[in-house]
Each structure stands twice: as C-alpha cells, then as structure tokens.
C-alpha cells in the first residue's frame, strides 16, 4: 500500500507566495522594499471589515479605498458604466504575493482582456504611499480608525 503524499499540501503555500501575474507592481515610490504578502492580507482584512464581504458595485470612475498603518487597498472602476466585483475574486487575489520589491501594485478585478494599465477595467490597488492614489470626488476613503 502506498503511503499518502504530504508533499502537495506542504507546497501549496509556496505556490501562492510566489510573485503573481495577477498583480502588476510598477512603483518604487516611496523607495524601499515592498510591504510584502502579510501586509496585503492585513489590509485586505481591513478593507473587508470597512466595506463588507459582499461584492461591491461601483459607478463609473468610482473607487473604494481602505487605508491603515500606511497601507492602502482599494477597488477602482474605470469602466464607463457601473460594475459589480466578481464574488470571491478579492479573496482569491490576495493570496498571491505581489512583487516584494515594488510599493504600488494593481491587480485584476475583472476578467476582461484589457491590460492592467488600461483605464477601462475594474482594478484592485495595493501599496504604500496612501495619498498618491487617493484623488477625485468619486473616491470613498475609509480608515482603520473607522472600524468598529
């Protein structure tokens, strides 16, 4: 009788800790290493506490942003019409580690063929330097002090 393999479950966390094609990280401003995988998990949890676990619907050019401890996680709609976040997409995406040497990242929130730098898509934002991404009257910002 062949013993059960424990190798698969042991390697699964390593697969998700690898840099992901689901994230495009381009900025090194502010200079220094990226915040890392534990940081994205933490700010994602804050975002979910502040906005709820259900898929969000955003109008055109609208964003929802959570800021806590110098980290930012948000969802931005670049489509010219209202779009609802795909159920479970937010939770799946944060298990992939963005490139550790970058400090501002964009992640696929929808399944369109557009590139991440294309304005016509639903995009997650993650990084540091909170004020650089927060602009415009359609951006709703909530901070971790708002939890509770």
C-alpha atoms as a PDB file:
ATOM      1  CA  UNK A   1       0.000   0.000   0.000  1.00  0.00           C
ATOM      2  CA  UNK A   2       1.336   3.412  -0.997  1.00  0.00           C
ATOM      3  CA  UNK A   3       1.540   5.983   1.843  1.00  0.00           C
ATOM      4  CA  UNK A   4      -0.385   9.236   1.280  1.00  0.00           C
ATOM      5  CA  UNK A   5       1.671  12.087  -0.061  1.00  0.00           C
ATOM      6  CA  UNK A   6       2.002  15.103   2.186  1.00  0.00           C
ATOM      7  CA  UNK A   7       4.153  16.962  -0.321  1.00  0.00           C
ATOM      8  CA  UNK A   8       1.212  18.620  -2.124  1.00  0.00           C
ATOM      9  CA  UNK A   9      -0.292  20.351   0.928  1.00  0.00           C
ATOM     10  CA  UNK A  10       3.173  21.438   2.058  1.00  0.00           C
ATOM     11  CA  UNK A  11       3.974  23.070  -1.291  1.00  0.00           C
ATOM     12  CA  UNK A  12       0.621  24.848  -1.734  1.00  0.00           C
ATOM     13  CA  UNK A  13       1.546  27.874   0.434  1.00  0.00           C
ATOM     14  CA  UNK A  14       4.780  28.256  -1.540  1.00  0.00           C
ATOM     15  CA  UNK A  15       2.840  28.404  -4.805  1.00  0.00           C
ATOM     16  CA  UNK A  16       0.740  31.328  -3.578  1.00  0.00           C
ATOM     17  CA  UNK A  17       3.732  33.100  -2.020  1.00  0.00           C
ATOM     18  CA  UNK A  18       5.403  33.368  -5.434  1.00  0.00           C
ATOM     19  CA  UNK A  19       5.023  36.657  -7.317  1.00  0.00           C
ATOM     20  CA  UNK A  20       1.810  36.567  -9.304  1.00  0.00           C
ATOM     21  CA  UNK A  21       0.899  37.512 -12.846  1.00  0.00           C
ATOM     22  CA  UNK A  22      -2.391  38.725 -11.316  1.00  0.00           C
ATOM     23  CA  UNK A  23      -0.557  41.751  -9.838  1.00  0.00           C
ATOM     24  CA  UNK A  24       1.394  44.366 -11.765  1.00  0.00           C
ATOM     25  CA  UNK A  25       3.694  46.296  -9.445  1.00  0.00           C
ATOM     26  CA  UNK A  26       5.492  49.214 -11.003  1.00  0.00           C
ATOM     27  CA  UNK A  27       6.357  51.877  -8.474  1.00  0.00           C
ATOM     28  CA  UNK A  28       9.253  52.076  -6.079  1.00  0.00           C
ATOM     29  CA  UNK A  29       8.000  55.336  -4.611  1.00  0.00           C
ATOM     30  CA  UNK A  30       8.495  55.707  -1.752  1.00  0.00           C
ATOM     31  CA  UNK A  31      11.876  53.968  -2.046  1.00  0.00           C
ATOM     32  CA  UNK A  32      12.415  50.744  -0.171  1.00  0.00           C
ATOM     33  CA  UNK A  33      11.154  47.192  -0.233  1.00  0.00           C
ATOM     34  CA  UNK A  34       7.518  46.423  -0.917  1.00  0.00           C
ATOM     35  CA  UNK A  35       5.223  45.780   2.024  1.00  0.00           C
ATOM     36  CA  UNK A  36       5.049  42.003   1.461  1.00  0.00           C
ATOM     37  CA  UNK A  37       2.429  39.298   1.494  1.00  0.00           C
ATOM     38  CA  UNK A  38       1.463  39.561   5.175  1.00  0.00           C
ATOM     39  CA  UNK A  39       0.720  43.248   4.624  1.00  0.00           C
ATOM     40  CA  UNK A  40      -1.672  42.609   1.740  1.00  0.00           C
ATOM     41  CA  UNK A  41      -3.506  40.020   3.838  1.00  0.00           C
ATOM     42  CA  UNK A  42      -3.810  42.520   6.714  1.00  0.00           C
ATOM     43  CA  UNK A  43      -5.026  45.484   4.632  1.00  0.00           C
ATOM     44  CA  UNK A  44      -7.424  43.205   2.726  1.00  0.00           C
ATOM     45  CA  UNK A  45      -8.923  42.191   6.070  1.00  0.00           C
ATOM     46  CA  UNK A  46      -9.302  45.872   6.992  1.00  0.00           C
ATOM     47  CA  UNK A  47     -10.933  46.621   3.613  1.00  0.00           C
ATOM     48  CA  UNK A  48     -13.408  43.770   4.149  1.00  0.00           C
ATOM     49  CA  UNK A  49     -14.219  44.973   7.684  1.00  0.00           C
ATOM     50  CA  UNK A  50     -14.806  48.521   6.428  1.00  0.00           C
ATOM     51  CA  UNK A  51     -16.793  47.732   3.260  1.00  0.00           C
ATOM     52  CA  UNK A  52     -18.183  44.258   3.968  1.00  0.00           C
ATOM     53  CA  UNK A  53     -17.515  40.851   2.422  1.00  0.00           C
ATOM     54  CA  UNK A  54     -20.155  41.057  -0.319  1.00  0.00           C
ATOM     55  CA  UNK A  55     -19.181  42.055  -3.869  1.00  0.00           C
ATOM     56  CA  UNK A  56     -19.135  45.830  -4.293  1.00  0.00           C
ATOM     57  CA  UNK A  57     -20.873  47.693  -7.109  1.00  0.00           C
ATOM     58  CA  UNK A  58     -19.073  50.825  -8.239  1.00  0.00           C
ATOM     59  CA  UNK A  59     -20.268  53.510 -10.611  1.00  0.00           C
ATOM     60  CA  UNK A  60     -18.116  54.813 -13.476  1.00  0.00           C
ATOM     61  CA  UNK A  61     -14.765  56.239 -12.288  1.00  0.00           C
ATOM     62  CA  UNK A  62     -15.651  55.368  -8.683  1.00  0.00           C
ATOM     63  CA  UNK A  63     -13.285  53.900  -6.080  1.00  0.00           C
ATOM     64  CA  UNK A  64     -13.494  52.421  -2.585  1.00  0.00           C
ATOM     65  CA  UNK A  65     -10.257  52.645  -0.608  1.00  0.00           C
ATOM     66  CA  UNK A  66      -9.148  51.410   2.820  1.00  0.00           C
ATOM     67  CA  UNK A  67      -6.095  52.956   4.484  1.00  0.00           C
ATOM     68  CA  UNK A  68      -4.443  51.647   7.629  1.00  0.00           C
ATOM     69  CA  UNK A  69      -0.919  51.841   9.022  1.00  0.00           C
ATOM     70  CA  UNK A  70       0.499  53.407   5.860  1.00  0.00           C
ATOM     71  CA  UNK A  71      -1.009  50.680   3.631  1.00  0.00           C
ATOM     72  CA  UNK A  72      -3.743  51.050   1.042  1.00  0.00           C
ATOM     73  CA  UNK A  73      -6.120  48.528  -0.524  1.00  0.00           C
ATOM     74  CA  UNK A  74      -8.845  49.609  -2.889  1.00  0.00           C
ATOM     75  CA  UNK A  75     -11.123  48.812  -5.795  1.00  0.00           C
ATOM     76  CA  UNK A  76     -11.446  51.195  -8.747  1.00  0.00           C
ATOM     77  CA  UNK A  77     -13.913  51.100 -11.651  1.00  0.00           C
ATOM     78  CA  UNK A  78     -12.522  52.501 -14.885  1.00  0.00           C
ATOM     79  CA  UNK A  79     -15.492  51.330 -16.954  1.00  0.00           C
ATOM     80  CA  UNK A  80     -17.928  53.935 -18.352  1.00  0.00           C
ATOM     81  CA  UNK A  81     -20.779  52.083 -16.586  1.00  0.00           C
ATOM     82  CA  UNK A  82     -21.472  50.560 -13.167  1.00  0.00           C
ATOM     83  CA  UNK A  83     -19.689  47.254 -12.495  1.00  0.00           C
ATOM     84  CA  UNK A  84     -20.054  44.702  -9.699  1.00  0.00           C
ATOM     85  CA  UNK A  85     -16.997  42.975  -8.316  1.00  0.00           C
ATOM     86  CA  UNK A  86     -16.884  39.256  -9.092  1.00  0.00           C
ATOM     87  CA  UNK A  87     -17.792  37.191  -5.997  1.00  0.00           C
ATOM     88  CA  UNK A  88     -14.698  35.677  -4.375  1.00  0.00           C
ATOM     89  CA  UNK A  89     -12.215  37.489  -6.623  1.00  0.00           C
ATOM     90  CA  UNK A  90     -10.927  39.779  -3.860  1.00  0.00           C
ATOM     91  CA  UNK A  91     -10.258  36.824  -1.554  1.00  0.00           C
ATOM     92  CA  UNK A  92      -8.509  34.815  -4.270  1.00  0.00           C
ATOM     93  CA  UNK A  93      -6.289  37.660  -5.431  1.00  0.00           C
ATOM     94  CA  UNK A  94      -4.796  38.496  -2.037  1.00  0.00           C
ATOM     95  CA  UNK A  95      -3.368  35.004  -1.653  1.00  0.00           C
ATOM     96  CA  UNK A  96      -0.909  35.866  -4.447  1.00  0.00           C
ATOM     97  CA  UNK A  97       2.142  37.786  -3.283  1.00  0.00           C
ATOM     98  CA  UNK A  98       2.783  40.996  -5.233  1.00  0.00           C
ATOM     99  CA  UNK A  99       6.402  41.593  -6.229  1.00  0.00           C
ATOM    100  CA  UNK A 100       8.213  42.325  -2.976  1.00  0.00           C
ATOM    101  CA  UNK A 101      10.484  44.999  -4.456  1.00  0.00           C
ATOM    102  CA  UNK A 102       7.608  47.277  -5.523  1.00  0.00           C
ATOM    103  CA  UNK A 103       5.457  49.546  -3.364  1.00  0.00           C
ATOM    104  CA  UNK A 104       2.395  50.198  -5.554  1.00  0.00           C
ATOM    105  CA  UNK A 105       0.517  47.386  -7.301  1.00  0.00           C
ATOM    106  CA  UNK A 106      -2.573  46.893  -9.451  1.00  0.00           C
ATOM    107  CA  UNK A 107      -4.492  43.622  -9.601  1.00  0.00           C
ATOM    108  CA  UNK A 108      -7.087  42.142 -11.963  1.00  0.00           C
ATOM    109  CA  UNK A 109     -10.593  42.512 -10.524  1.00  0.00           C
ATOM    110  CA  UNK A 110     -12.480  41.514 -13.648  1.00  0.00           C
ATOM    111  CA  UNK A 111     -11.979  39.042 -16.429  1.00  0.00           C
ATOM    112  CA  UNK A 112     -11.630  41.448 -19.342  1.00  0.00           C
ATOM    113  CA  UNK A 113      -8.757  41.137 -21.779  1.00  0.00           C
ATOM    114  CA  UNK A 114      -7.602  44.696 -21.127  1.00  0.00           C
ATOM    115  CA  UNK A 115      -4.129  45.249 -19.772  1.00  0.00           C
ATOM    116  CA  UNK A 116      -3.781  46.368 -16.167  1.00  0.00           C
ATOM    117  CA  UNK A 117      -2.690  49.814 -17.302  1.00  0.00           C
ATOM    118  CA  UNK A 118      -5.866  50.161 -19.389  1.00  0.00           C
ATOM    119  CA  UNK A 119      -8.303  52.604 -17.770  1.00  0.00           C
ATOM    120  CA  UNK A 120     -11.338  50.582 -18.906  1.00  0.00           C
ATOM    121  CA  UNK A 121     -11.335  47.861 -16.276  1.00  0.00           C
ATOM    122  CA  UNK A 122     -12.109  47.031 -12.670  1.00  0.00           C
ATOM    123  CA  UNK A 123      -8.838  47.113 -10.736  1.00  0.00           C
ATOM    124  CA  UNK A 124      -7.628  46.395  -7.215  1.00  0.00           C
ATOM    125  CA  UNK A 125      -4.992  48.715  -5.747  1.00  0.00           C
ATOM    126  CA  UNK A 126      -2.450  47.761  -3.089  1.00  0.00           C
ATOM    127  CA  UNK A 127       0.589  49.511  -1.738  1.00  0.00           C
ATOM    128  CA  UNK A 128       2.095  52.237   0.389  1.00  0.00           C
ATOM    129  CA  UNK A 129       2.143  55.990  -0.100  1.00  0.00           C
ATOM    130  CA  UNK A 130      -1.545  56.327   0.608  1.00  0.00           C
ATOM    131  CA  UNK A 131      -2.039  59.909  -0.558  1.00  0.00           C
ATOM    132  CA  UNK A 132      -0.685  59.327  -4.067  1.00  0.00           C
ATOM    133  CA  UNK A 133      -3.664  57.182  -5.112  1.00  0.00           C
ATOM    134  CA  UNK A 134      -6.482  58.982  -3.346  1.00  0.00           C
ATOM    135  CA  UNK A 135      -7.969  61.697  -5.529  1.00  0.00           C
ATOM    136  CA  UNK A 136     -11.190  62.732  -7.140  1.00  0.00           C
ATOM    137  CA  UNK A 137     -14.659  63.286  -5.786  1.00  0.00           C
ATOM    138  CA  UNK A 138     -15.795  59.741  -6.538  1.00  0.00           C
ATOM    139  CA  UNK A 139     -13.242  58.118  -4.219  1.00  0.00           C
ATOM    140  CA  UNK A 140     -14.587  56.942  -0.882  1.00  0.00           C
ATOM    141  CA  UNK A 141     -11.820  56.554   1.689  1.00  0.00           C
ATOM    142  CA  UNK A 142     -12.258  54.699   4.958  1.00  0.00           C
ATOM    143  CA  UNK A 143      -9.528  54.338   7.557  1.00  0.00           C
ATOM    144  CA  UNK A 144      -8.935  51.608  10.118  1.00  0.00           C
ATOM    145  CA  UNK A 145      -9.908  54.092  12.853  1.00  0.00           C
ATOM    146  CA  UNK A 146     -13.406  53.889  11.285  1.00  0.00           C
ATOM    147  CA  UNK A 147     -13.686  50.166  12.153  1.00  0.00           C
ATOM    148  CA  UNK A 148     -15.904  49.158  14.975  1.00  0.00           C
END
